[in-house]
Amino acid sequence: MELVKKIESANIQKYDAILFKVKGYAAHVGVVVDPLRKEFIHTLAGHDSAIDCWGRAQWNKRIEGFYRHNSCL
């Protein structure tokens, strides 16, 4: 049984996970906080947590996908 399900971008909800590629590998995770504004919360090594926009080129080109835990389906 799978614990998470990949979500189509049209169905993103608050608290879904967003997975980003870093150096070609799916290795960075954020949590959606506002799907309408494309905002997610995340942290990077050596930095505090931050709310950022996945619509920005820095993040948009790295999106691997959005995921939702089965308990939220």
C-alpha atoms as a PDB file:
ATOM      1  CA  MET A   1       0.000   0.000   0.000  1.00  0.00           C
ATOM      2  CA  GLU A   2       1.369   3.389  -0.969  1.00  0.00           C
ATOM      3  CA  LEU A   3       1.537   6.048   1.726  1.00  0.00           C
ATOM      4  CA  VAL A   4       1.460   9.015  -0.651  1.00  0.00           C
ATOM      5  CA  LYS A   5      -0.192   9.744  -3.973  1.00  0.00           C
ATOM      6  CA  LYS A   6       1.068  12.087  -6.684  1.00  0.00           C
ATOM      7  CA  ILE A   7      -1.403  14.953  -7.193  1.00  0.00           C
ATOM      8  CA  GLU A   8      -2.187  16.812 -10.413  1.00  0.00           C
ATOM      9  CA  SER A   9      -1.192  20.480 -10.182  1.00  0.00           C
ATOM     10  CA  ALA A  10      -4.844  21.530 -10.654  1.00  0.00           C
ATOM     11  CA  ASN A  11      -5.783  19.719  -7.406  1.00  0.00           C
ATOM     12  CA  ILE A  12      -3.131  21.036  -5.019  1.00  0.00           C
ATOM     13  CA  GLN A  13      -4.331  21.665  -1.460  1.00  0.00           C
ATOM     14  CA  LYS A  14      -2.871  23.180   1.675  1.00  0.00           C
ATOM     15  CA  TYR A  15      -0.467  20.771   3.432  1.00  0.00           C
ATOM     16  CA  ASP A  16       0.396  18.804   0.267  1.00  0.00           C
ATOM     17  CA  ALA A  17       4.100  18.068  -0.128  1.00  0.00           C
ATOM     18  CA  ILE A  18       6.029  19.547  -3.036  1.00  0.00           C
ATOM     19  CA  LEU A  19       9.162  17.753  -4.179  1.00  0.00           C
ATOM     20  CA  PHE A  20      11.965  19.608  -5.952  1.00  0.00           C
ATOM     21  CA  LYS A  21      14.979  18.390  -7.892  1.00  0.00           C
ATOM     22  CA  VAL A  22      18.386  19.554  -6.704  1.00  0.00           C
ATOM     23  CA  LYS A  23      21.334  18.791  -8.981  1.00  0.00           C
ATOM     24  CA  GLY A  24      19.083  16.423 -10.943  1.00  0.00           C
ATOM     25  CA  TYR A  25      17.826  14.466  -7.922  1.00  0.00           C
ATOM     26  CA  ALA A  26      14.463  14.747  -6.162  1.00  0.00           C
ATOM     27  CA  ALA A  27      15.969  15.865  -2.863  1.00  0.00           C
ATOM     28  CA  HIS A  28      14.169  18.922  -1.448  1.00  0.00           C
ATOM     29  CA  VAL A  29      10.699  18.961   0.118  1.00  0.00           C
ATOM     30  CA  GLY A  30       8.357  21.800   0.995  1.00  0.00           C
ATOM     31  CA  VAL A  31       4.820  21.919   2.365  1.00  0.00           C
ATOM     32  CA  VAL A  32       2.112  23.883   0.536  1.00  0.00           C
ATOM     33  CA  VAL A  33       0.729  26.682   2.729  1.00  0.00           C
ATOM     34  CA  ASP A  34      -1.305  28.626   0.126  1.00  0.00           C
ATOM     35  CA  PRO A  35      -2.071  26.915  -3.186  1.00  0.00           C
ATOM     36  CA  LEU A  36      -3.686  30.006  -4.732  1.00  0.00           C
ATOM     37  CA  ARG A  37      -0.572  32.112  -4.144  1.00  0.00           C
ATOM     38  CA  LYS A  38       1.734  29.125  -4.885  1.00  0.00           C
ATOM     39  CA  GLU A  39       3.379  29.434  -1.467  1.00  0.00           C
ATOM     40  CA  PHE A  40       5.230  26.706   0.376  1.00  0.00           C
ATOM     41  CA  ILE A  41       7.308  26.501   3.548  1.00  0.00           C
ATOM     42  CA  HIS A  42      10.742  24.905   3.520  1.00  0.00           C
ATOM     43  CA  THR A  43      14.190  25.164   4.984  1.00  0.00           C
ATOM     44  CA  LEU A  44      17.694  24.968   3.581  1.00  0.00           C
ATOM     45  CA  ALA A  45      20.789  23.820   5.442  1.00  0.00           C
ATOM     46  CA  GLY A  46      22.184  26.668   7.500  1.00  0.00           C
ATOM     47  CA  HIS A  47      19.059  28.820   7.143  1.00  0.00           C
ATOM     48  CA  ASP A  48      15.816  29.355   9.036  1.00  0.00           C
ATOM     49  CA  SER A  49      12.561  28.122   7.537  1.00  0.00           C
ATOM     50  CA  ALA A  50      11.029  30.379   4.902  1.00  0.00           C
ATOM     51  CA  ILE A  51       7.833  30.795   2.919  1.00  0.00           C
ATOM     52  CA  ASP A  52       8.590  30.965  -0.788  1.00  0.00           C
ATOM     53  CA  CYS A  53       6.699  30.902  -4.091  1.00  0.00           C
ATOM     54  CA  TRP A  54       7.041  27.858  -6.339  1.00  0.00           C
ATOM     55  CA  GLY A  55       5.962  30.047  -9.282  1.00  0.00           C
ATOM     56  CA  ARG A  56       9.367  31.765  -9.227  1.00  0.00           C
ATOM     57  CA  ALA A  57      11.778  30.502 -11.885  1.00  0.00           C
ATOM     58  CA  GLN A  58      14.230  29.399  -9.173  1.00  0.00           C
ATOM     59  CA  TRP A  59      11.719  26.797  -7.945  1.00  0.00           C
ATOM     60  CA  ASN A  60       9.293  26.220 -10.829  1.00  0.00           C
ATOM     61  CA  LYS A  61      11.875  24.613 -13.095  1.00  0.00           C
ATOM     62  CA  ARG A  62      12.813  22.179 -10.303  1.00  0.00           C
ATOM     63  CA  ILE A  63       9.359  20.820  -9.421  1.00  0.00           C
ATOM     64  CA  GLU A  64       9.260  17.038  -9.542  1.00  0.00           C
ATOM     65  CA  GLY A  65       5.674  16.826  -8.302  1.00  0.00           C
ATOM     66  CA  PHE A  66       3.065  17.376  -5.614  1.00  0.00           C
ATOM     67  CA  TYR A  67       2.104  14.614  -3.205  1.00  0.00           C
ATOM     68  CA  ARG A  68      -0.613  13.944  -0.640  1.00  0.00           C
ATOM     69  CA  HIS A  69      -0.552  11.443   2.227  1.00  0.00           C
ATOM     70  CA  ASN A  70      -3.256   8.766   1.898  1.00  0.00           C
ATOM     71  CA  SER A  71      -4.805   9.776   5.221  1.00  0.00           C
ATOM     72  CA  CYS A  72      -5.676  13.131   3.582  1.00  0.00           C
ATOM     73  CA  LEU A  73      -7.322  11.672   0.468  1.00  0.00           C
END
